[in-house]
Amino acid sequence: MALIRSIERRRGGVLSIAIDDDAPIEIPLETVLTHGLQEGSALPTEEWVAIRDQGRTRLAVRRSLEYLARRRRTRAELRTQLLKAFSAAETNAAMARIDELGYLDDAAWAKDYVTTLRARGRGRSVLARELSQHGIDDEAQAGALAEHDDRSEALAVAQKRLRSLQRLAPEVRERRLYAFLRRRGFSNDTAKQAMDAALRWNIADSELVEPEMADAEAMIERRPR
């Protein structure tokens, strides 16, 4: 038999219940009310185990919904969070219920991540590593990165970075720009092509600006004094 030694109220509709000499566990208030649990009551051990498992799963589902309400999470992130307070079995049961409710979609999460401003200017290798860190599997990564255009992203970030390197010697400028692109996750070929294109455009822009400056200076010289 399982003897209920104590029942204590916690915040958020949760009760802490101690059975025999075991450490107290938290279960939802509705579980206690549904089964009429009271201090000093005794019930068959098998019955208590079923009640406990049901209550713990219900509480894990509730916590899952609270976590997901704060921000979207991947399946791996939610599991990690749940395991801080629940057993593996309780976590698995809660995850299964959350899946049934349709609140977890790693493929959609990954696609959204790749299109955010935070992911702009990054190559596939960096994005794939970041997705892995969030627990996204290879299949979901491939789907999210399928439409990611490394070439255009590399060119855009190269042109932007080049503005801060203008005062450097040409060889130093090229070396730093190339290294920057590689750190951003672009392949050797993509980084080289983006760097070359950005440098060509930078030279072309300079050639357009210089005649305009010369014309302006000439006009100033011709002004009557």
C-alpha atoms as a PDB file:
ATOM      1  CA  MET A   1       0.000   0.000   0.000  1.00  0.00           C
ATOM      2  CA  ALA A   2       1.044   3.595  -0.621  1.00  0.00           C
ATOM      3  CA  LEU A   3       0.471   5.963   2.314  1.00  0.00           C
ATOM      4  CA  ILE A   4       0.054   9.696   1.606  1.00  0.00           C
ATOM      5  CA  ARG A   5       2.150  11.417   4.266  1.00  0.00           C
ATOM      6  CA  SER A   6       1.634  15.031   3.173  1.00  0.00           C
ATOM      7  CA  ILE A   7       0.127  17.244   0.501  1.00  0.00           C
ATOM      8  CA  GLU A   8       1.387  20.813   0.188  1.00  0.00           C
ATOM      9  CA  ARG A   9       0.217  23.518  -2.176  1.00  0.00           C
ATOM     10  CA  ARG A  10       2.690  25.057  -4.601  1.00  0.00           C
ATOM     11  CA  ARG A  11       2.328  27.932  -7.032  1.00  0.00           C
ATOM     12  CA  GLY A  12       0.530  27.611 -10.346  1.00  0.00           C
ATOM     13  CA  GLY A  13      -2.033  24.967  -9.459  1.00  0.00           C
ATOM     14  CA  VAL A  14       0.585  22.401  -8.421  1.00  0.00           C
ATOM     15  CA  LEU A  15       0.715  20.286  -5.265  1.00  0.00           C
ATOM     16  CA  SER A  16       3.689  18.551  -3.670  1.00  0.00           C
ATOM     17  CA  ILE A  17       2.738  15.094  -2.457  1.00  0.00           C
ATOM     18  CA  ALA A  18       4.853  12.742  -0.317  1.00  0.00           C
ATOM     19  CA  ILE A  19       4.199   8.996  -0.377  1.00  0.00           C
ATOM     20  CA  ASP A  20       5.695   6.716   2.292  1.00  0.00           C
ATOM     21  CA  ASP A  21       9.388   7.573   2.721  1.00  0.00           C
ATOM     22  CA  ASP A  22       9.892   8.707  -0.867  1.00  0.00           C
ATOM     23  CA  ALA A  23      10.887  12.278  -1.711  1.00  0.00           C
ATOM     24  CA  PRO A  24       7.900  14.545  -2.481  1.00  0.00           C
ATOM     25  CA  ILE A  25       6.891  14.983  -6.103  1.00  0.00           C
ATOM     26  CA  GLU A  26       4.814  17.657  -7.792  1.00  0.00           C
ATOM     27  CA  ILE A  27       1.585  16.827  -9.582  1.00  0.00           C
ATOM     28  CA  PRO A  28      -1.256  19.054 -10.835  1.00  0.00           C
ATOM     29  CA  LEU A  29      -4.099  20.028  -8.525  1.00  0.00           C
ATOM     30  CA  GLU A  30      -6.645  18.460 -10.911  1.00  0.00           C
ATOM     31  CA  THR A  31      -5.001  15.053 -10.505  1.00  0.00           C
ATOM     32  CA  VAL A  32      -5.367  15.240  -6.729  1.00  0.00           C
ATOM     33  CA  LEU A  33      -8.992  16.350  -6.997  1.00  0.00           C
ATOM     34  CA  THR A  34      -9.885  13.782  -9.660  1.00  0.00           C
ATOM     35  CA  HIS A  35      -8.642  10.891  -7.526  1.00  0.00           C
ATOM     36  CA  GLY A  36      -9.664  12.340  -4.166  1.00  0.00           C
ATOM     37  CA  LEU A  37      -6.166  12.143  -2.694  1.00  0.00           C
ATOM     38  CA  GLN A  38      -5.909  13.222   0.955  1.00  0.00           C
ATOM     39  CA  GLU A  39      -3.257  13.204   3.647  1.00  0.00           C
ATOM     40  CA  GLY A  40      -3.300   9.945   5.612  1.00  0.00           C
ATOM     41  CA  SER A  41      -5.064   8.022   2.839  1.00  0.00           C
ATOM     42  CA  ALA A  42      -3.663   4.686   1.658  1.00  0.00           C
ATOM     43  CA  LEU A  43      -4.145   3.148  -1.755  1.00  0.00           C
ATOM     44  CA  PRO A  44      -2.733   0.147  -3.610  1.00  0.00           C
ATOM     45  CA  THR A  45       0.796   0.770  -4.865  1.00  0.00           C
ATOM     46  CA  GLU A  46      -0.159  -0.056  -8.478  1.00  0.00           C
ATOM     47  CA  GLU A  47      -2.988   2.465  -8.321  1.00  0.00           C
ATOM     48  CA  TRP A  48      -0.703   5.172  -6.950  1.00  0.00           C
ATOM     49  CA  VAL A  49       1.908   4.517  -9.646  1.00  0.00           C
ATOM     50  CA  ALA A  50      -0.748   4.945 -12.347  1.00  0.00           C
ATOM     51  CA  ILE A  51      -2.010   8.166 -10.735  1.00  0.00           C
ATOM     52  CA  ARG A  52       1.523   9.495 -10.325  1.00  0.00           C
ATOM     53  CA  ASP A  53       2.495   8.774 -13.916  1.00  0.00           C
ATOM     54  CA  GLN A  54      -0.686  10.357 -15.236  1.00  0.00           C
ATOM     55  CA  GLY A  55      -0.202  13.455 -13.085  1.00  0.00           C
ATOM     56  CA  ARG A  56       3.459  13.871 -13.941  1.00  0.00           C
ATOM     57  CA  THR A  57       2.777  13.545 -17.655  1.00  0.00           C
ATOM     58  CA  ARG A  58      -0.011  16.091 -17.408  1.00  0.00           C
ATOM     59  CA  LEU A  59       2.311  18.486 -15.590  1.00  0.00           C
ATOM     60  CA  ALA A  60       5.076  17.954 -18.159  1.00  0.00           C
ATOM     61  CA  VAL A  61       2.639  18.762 -20.971  1.00  0.00           C
ATOM     62  CA  ARG A  62       1.574  21.919 -19.160  1.00  0.00           C
ATOM     63  CA  ARG A  63       5.191  23.011 -18.720  1.00  0.00           C
ATOM     64  CA  SER A  64       5.855  22.277 -22.394  1.00  0.00           C
ATOM     65  CA  LEU A  65       3.045  24.575 -23.440  1.00  0.00           C
ATOM     66  CA  GLU A  66       4.369  27.278 -21.129  1.00  0.00           C
ATOM     67  CA  TYR A  67       7.859  27.002 -22.633  1.00  0.00           C
ATOM     68  CA  LEU A  68       6.504  27.099 -26.187  1.00  0.00           C
ATOM     69  CA  ALA A  69       4.309  30.098 -25.377  1.00  0.00           C
ATOM     70  CA  ARG A  70       7.425  32.097 -24.474  1.00  0.00           C
ATOM     71  CA  ARG A  71       9.202  31.307 -27.746  1.00  0.00           C
ATOM     72  CA  ARG A  72       9.328  28.694 -30.472  1.00  0.00           C
ATOM     73  CA  ARG A  73      11.599  25.771 -29.710  1.00  0.00           C
ATOM     74  CA  THR A  74      12.980  22.829 -31.575  1.00  0.00           C
ATOM     75  CA  ARG A  75      12.205  19.301 -30.439  1.00  0.00           C
ATOM     76  CA  ALA A  76      15.705  18.955 -28.956  1.00  0.00           C
ATOM     77  CA  GLU A  77      15.434  22.262 -27.091  1.00  0.00           C
ATOM     78  CA  LEU A  78      12.100  21.324 -25.553  1.00  0.00           C
ATOM     79  CA  ARG A  79      13.383  17.903 -24.524  1.00  0.00           C
ATOM     80  CA  THR A  80      16.434  19.433 -22.861  1.00  0.00           C
ATOM     81  CA  GLN A  81      14.245  21.859 -20.946  1.00  0.00           C
ATOM     82  CA  LEU A  82      11.850  19.151 -19.764  1.00  0.00           C
ATOM     83  CA  LEU A  83      14.626  16.825 -18.611  1.00  0.00           C
ATOM     84  CA  LYS A  84      15.654  19.452 -16.066  1.00  0.00           C
ATOM     85  CA  ALA A  85      12.487  18.710 -14.076  1.00  0.00           C
ATOM     86  CA  PHE A  86      11.081  15.414 -15.382  1.00  0.00           C
ATOM     87  CA  SER A  87      12.276  11.864 -15.929  1.00  0.00           C
ATOM     88  CA  ALA A  88      13.024  10.493 -19.395  1.00  0.00           C
ATOM     89  CA  ALA A  89       9.744   8.552 -19.393  1.00  0.00           C
ATOM     90  CA  GLU A  90       7.735  11.602 -18.331  1.00  0.00           C
ATOM     91  CA  THR A  91       9.496  13.729 -20.928  1.00  0.00           C
ATOM     92  CA  ASN A  92       8.858  11.198 -23.704  1.00  0.00           C
ATOM     93  CA  ALA A  93       5.178  10.989 -22.827  1.00  0.00           C
ATOM     94  CA  ALA A  94       4.825  14.780 -22.813  1.00  0.00           C
ATOM     95  CA  MET A  95       6.695  15.111 -26.108  1.00  0.00           C
ATOM     96  CA  ALA A  96       4.387  12.572 -27.701  1.00  0.00           C
ATOM     97  CA  ARG A  97       1.367  14.594 -26.610  1.00  0.00           C
ATOM     98  CA  ILE A  98       2.878  17.861 -27.863  1.00  0.00           C
ATOM     99  CA  ASP A  99       3.514  16.147 -31.195  1.00  0.00           C
ATOM    100  CA  GLU A 100      -0.131  15.092 -31.341  1.00  0.00           C
ATOM    101  CA  LEU A 101      -1.141  18.713 -30.796  1.00  0.00           C
ATOM    102  CA  GLY A 102       1.088  19.796 -33.693  1.00  0.00           C
ATOM    103  CA  TYR A 103       3.200  22.251 -31.696  1.00  0.00           C
ATOM    104  CA  LEU A 104       6.593  20.952 -32.827  1.00  0.00           C
ATOM    105  CA  ASP A 105       7.866  21.304 -36.395  1.00  0.00           C
ATOM    106  CA  ASP A 106      11.638  21.278 -36.746  1.00  0.00           C
ATOM    107  CA  ALA A 107      11.492  21.621 -40.544  1.00  0.00           C
ATOM    108  CA  ALA A 108       9.455  24.832 -40.329  1.00  0.00           C
ATOM    109  CA  TRP A 109      11.636  26.116 -37.488  1.00  0.00           C
ATOM    110  CA  ALA A 110      14.767  25.577 -39.574  1.00  0.00           C
ATOM    111  CA  LYS A 111      13.346  27.341 -42.645  1.00  0.00           C
ATOM    112  CA  ASP A 112      12.318  30.315 -40.531  1.00  0.00           C
ATOM    113  CA  TYR A 113      15.754  30.462 -38.919  1.00  0.00           C
ATOM    114  CA  VAL A 114      17.552  30.547 -42.268  1.00  0.00           C
ATOM    115  CA  THR A 115      15.434  33.481 -43.473  1.00  0.00           C
ATOM    116  CA  THR A 116      15.824  35.649 -40.354  1.00  0.00           C
ATOM    117  CA  LEU A 117      17.997  38.759 -40.327  1.00  0.00           C
ATOM    118  CA  ARG A 118      20.293  37.021 -37.838  1.00  0.00           C
ATOM    119  CA  ALA A 119      21.151  34.414 -40.465  1.00  0.00           C
ATOM    120  CA  ARG A 120      21.842  36.922 -43.246  1.00  0.00           C
ATOM    121  CA  GLY A 121      25.367  37.050 -44.611  1.00  0.00           C
ATOM    122  CA  ARG A 122      26.197  33.504 -43.551  1.00  0.00           C
ATOM    123  CA  GLY A 123      27.196  30.590 -45.729  1.00  0.00           C
ATOM    124  CA  ARG A 124      25.705  27.123 -45.730  1.00  0.00           C
ATOM    125  CA  SER A 125      28.381  25.573 -43.534  1.00  0.00           C
ATOM    126  CA  VAL A 126      27.865  28.095 -40.722  1.00  0.00           C
ATOM    127  CA  LEU A 127      24.088  27.877 -40.963  1.00  0.00           C
ATOM    128  CA  ALA A 128      24.220  24.069 -40.945  1.00  0.00           C
ATOM    129  CA  ARG A 129      26.402  24.166 -37.820  1.00  0.00           C
ATOM    130  CA  GLU A 130      24.031  26.570 -36.078  1.00  0.00           C
ATOM    131  CA  LEU A 131      21.016  24.429 -36.988  1.00  0.00           C
ATOM    132  CA  SER A 132      22.803  21.370 -35.599  1.00  0.00           C
ATOM    133  CA  GLN A 133      23.391  23.233 -32.352  1.00  0.00           C
ATOM    134  CA  HIS A 134      19.627  23.649 -32.081  1.00  0.00           C
ATOM    135  CA  GLY A 135      19.104  19.928 -32.649  1.00  0.00           C
ATOM    136  CA  ILE A 136      17.904  20.104 -36.259  1.00  0.00           C
ATOM    137  CA  ASP A 137      18.561  16.825 -38.105  1.00  0.00           C
ATOM    138  CA  ASP A 138      20.215  16.500 -41.518  1.00  0.00           C
ATOM    139  CA  GLU A 139      16.970  16.135 -43.455  1.00  0.00           C
ATOM    140  CA  ALA A 140      15.426  19.292 -41.990  1.00  0.00           C
ATOM    141  CA  GLN A 141      18.692  21.155 -42.541  1.00  0.00           C
ATOM    142  CA  ALA A 142      18.752  20.170 -46.209  1.00  0.00           C
ATOM    143  CA  GLY A 143      15.198  21.396 -46.685  1.00  0.00           C
ATOM    144  CA  ALA A 144      15.900  24.702 -44.983  1.00  0.00           C
ATOM    145  CA  LEU A 145      19.113  25.355 -46.917  1.00  0.00           C
ATOM    146  CA  ALA A 146      17.814  24.223 -50.311  1.00  0.00           C
ATOM    147  CA  GLU A 147      16.897  27.750 -51.402  1.00  0.00           C
ATOM    148  CA  HIS A 148      19.731  29.573 -49.619  1.00  0.00           C
ATOM    149  CA  ASP A 149      21.767  31.414 -52.262  1.00  0.00           C
ATOM    150  CA  ASP A 150      25.354  31.411 -51.030  1.00  0.00           C
ATOM    151  CA  ARG A 151      26.630  33.427 -53.986  1.00  0.00           C
ATOM    152  CA  SER A 152      24.327  36.390 -53.557  1.00  0.00           C
ATOM    153  CA  GLU A 153      24.756  36.362 -49.769  1.00  0.00           C
ATOM    154  CA  ALA A 154      28.539  36.274 -50.132  1.00  0.00           C
ATOM    155  CA  LEU A 155      28.554  39.139 -52.623  1.00  0.00           C
ATOM    156  CA  ALA A 156      26.296  41.290 -50.455  1.00  0.00           C
ATOM    157  CA  VAL A 157      28.399  40.781 -47.345  1.00  0.00           C
ATOM    158  CA  ALA A 158      31.637  41.280 -49.311  1.00  0.00           C
ATOM    159  CA  GLN A 159      30.485  44.655 -50.640  1.00  0.00           C
ATOM    160  CA  LYS A 160      29.430  45.748 -47.180  1.00  0.00           C
ATOM    161  CA  ARG A 161      32.660  44.596 -45.545  1.00  0.00           C
ATOM    162  CA  LEU A 162      34.799  46.219 -48.232  1.00  0.00           C
ATOM    163  CA  ARG A 163      33.667  49.684 -47.148  1.00  0.00           C
ATOM    164  CA  SER A 164      35.549  49.301 -43.868  1.00  0.00           C
ATOM    165  CA  LEU A 165      38.721  48.090 -45.607  1.00  0.00           C
ATOM    166  CA  GLN A 166      39.180  50.939 -48.096  1.00  0.00           C
ATOM    167  CA  ARG A 167      42.187  52.515 -46.401  1.00  0.00           C
ATOM    168  CA  LEU A 168      44.217  49.308 -46.374  1.00  0.00           C
ATOM    169  CA  ALA A 169      46.788  48.344 -48.943  1.00  0.00           C
ATOM    170  CA  PRO A 170      45.242  46.305 -51.786  1.00  0.00           C
ATOM    171  CA  GLU A 171      46.914  43.013 -50.815  1.00  0.00           C
ATOM    172  CA  VAL A 172      45.936  43.431 -47.152  1.00  0.00           C
ATOM    173  CA  ARG A 173      42.386  44.369 -48.150  1.00  0.00           C
ATOM    174  CA  GLU A 174      42.005  41.254 -50.276  1.00  0.00           C
ATOM    175  CA  ARG A 175      43.457  38.961 -47.633  1.00  0.00           C
ATOM    176  CA  ARG A 176      41.192  40.274 -44.886  1.00  0.00           C
ATOM    177  CA  LEU A 177      38.099  40.269 -47.065  1.00  0.00           C
ATOM    178  CA  TYR A 178      38.701  36.684 -48.137  1.00  0.00           C
ATOM    179  CA  ALA A 179      39.320  35.529 -44.558  1.00  0.00           C
ATOM    180  CA  PHE A 180      36.152  37.286 -43.413  1.00  0.00           C
ATOM    181  CA  LEU A 181      34.064  35.511 -46.054  1.00  0.00           C
ATOM    182  CA  ARG A 182      35.520  32.146 -45.118  1.00  0.00           C
ATOM    183  CA  ARG A 183      34.703  32.725 -41.451  1.00  0.00           C
ATOM    184  CA  ARG A 184      31.129  33.460 -42.478  1.00  0.00           C
ATOM    185  CA  GLY A 185      30.861  29.935 -43.833  1.00  0.00           C
ATOM    186  CA  PHE A 186      31.324  30.462 -47.550  1.00  0.00           C
ATOM    187  CA  SER A 187      33.295  27.927 -49.556  1.00  0.00           C
ATOM    188  CA  ASN A 188      36.688  28.716 -51.016  1.00  0.00           C
ATOM    189  CA  ASP A 189      35.311  29.221 -54.537  1.00  0.00           C
ATOM    190  CA  THR A 190      32.306  31.265 -53.420  1.00  0.00           C
ATOM    191  CA  ALA A 191      34.455  33.504 -51.214  1.00  0.00           C
ATOM    192  CA  LYS A 192      36.968  34.071 -54.016  1.00  0.00           C
ATOM    193  CA  GLN A 193      34.278  34.898 -56.591  1.00  0.00           C
ATOM    194  CA  ALA A 194      32.476  37.263 -54.220  1.00  0.00           C
ATOM    195  CA  MET A 195      35.713  38.999 -53.289  1.00  0.00           C
ATOM    196  CA  ASP A 196      36.737  39.460 -56.931  1.00  0.00           C
ATOM    197  CA  ALA A 197      33.317  40.798 -57.906  1.00  0.00           C
ATOM    198  CA  ALA A 198      33.200  43.214 -54.974  1.00  0.00           C
ATOM    199  CA  LEU A 199      36.672  44.507 -55.769  1.00  0.00           C
ATOM    200  CA  ARG A 200      35.792  44.984 -59.440  1.00  0.00           C
ATOM    201  CA  TRP A 201      32.696  46.952 -58.545  1.00  0.00           C
ATOM    202  CA  ASN A 202      34.653  48.969 -56.044  1.00  0.00           C
ATOM    203  CA  ILE A 203      37.209  49.899 -58.741  1.00  0.00           C
ATOM    204  CA  ALA A 204      34.434  50.738 -61.204  1.00  0.00           C
ATOM    205  CA  ASP A 205      32.752  52.991 -58.650  1.00  0.00           C
ATOM    206  CA  SER A 206      36.058  54.741 -57.987  1.00  0.00           C
ATOM    207  CA  GLU A 207      36.610  55.345 -61.685  1.00  0.00           C
ATOM    208  CA  LEU A 208      33.166  56.924 -61.952  1.00  0.00           C
ATOM    209  CA  VAL A 209      33.669  59.122 -58.927  1.00  0.00           C
ATOM    210  CA  GLU A 210      37.100  60.464 -59.893  1.00  0.00           C
ATOM    211  CA  PRO A 211      35.988  62.195 -63.157  1.00  0.00           C
ATOM    212  CA  GLU A 212      33.059  63.716 -61.324  1.00  0.00           C
ATOM    213  CA  MET A 213      35.390  65.093 -58.669  1.00  0.00           C
ATOM    214  CA  ALA A 214      37.724  66.431 -61.359  1.00  0.00           C
ATOM    215  CA  ASP A 215      34.841  68.199 -63.111  1.00  0.00           C
ATOM    216  CA  ALA A 216      33.721  69.722 -59.838  1.00  0.00           C
ATOM    217  CA  GLU A 217      37.216  70.976 -59.066  1.00  0.00           C
ATOM    218  CA  ALA A 218      37.510  72.471 -62.571  1.00  0.00           C
ATOM    219  CA  MET A 219      34.235  74.331 -62.122  1.00  0.00           C
ATOM    220  CA  ILE A 220      35.498  75.768 -58.864  1.00  0.00           C
ATOM    221  CA  GLU A 221      38.714  76.920 -60.537  1.00  0.00           C
ATOM    222  CA  ARG A 222      36.751  78.706 -63.321  1.00  0.00           C
ATOM    223  CA  ARG A 223      34.626  80.695 -60.870  1.00  0.00           C
ATOM    224  CA  PRO A 224      35.347  84.468 -60.984  1.00  0.00           C
ATOM    225  CA  ARG A 225      37.247  85.659 -57.960  1.00  0.00           C
END
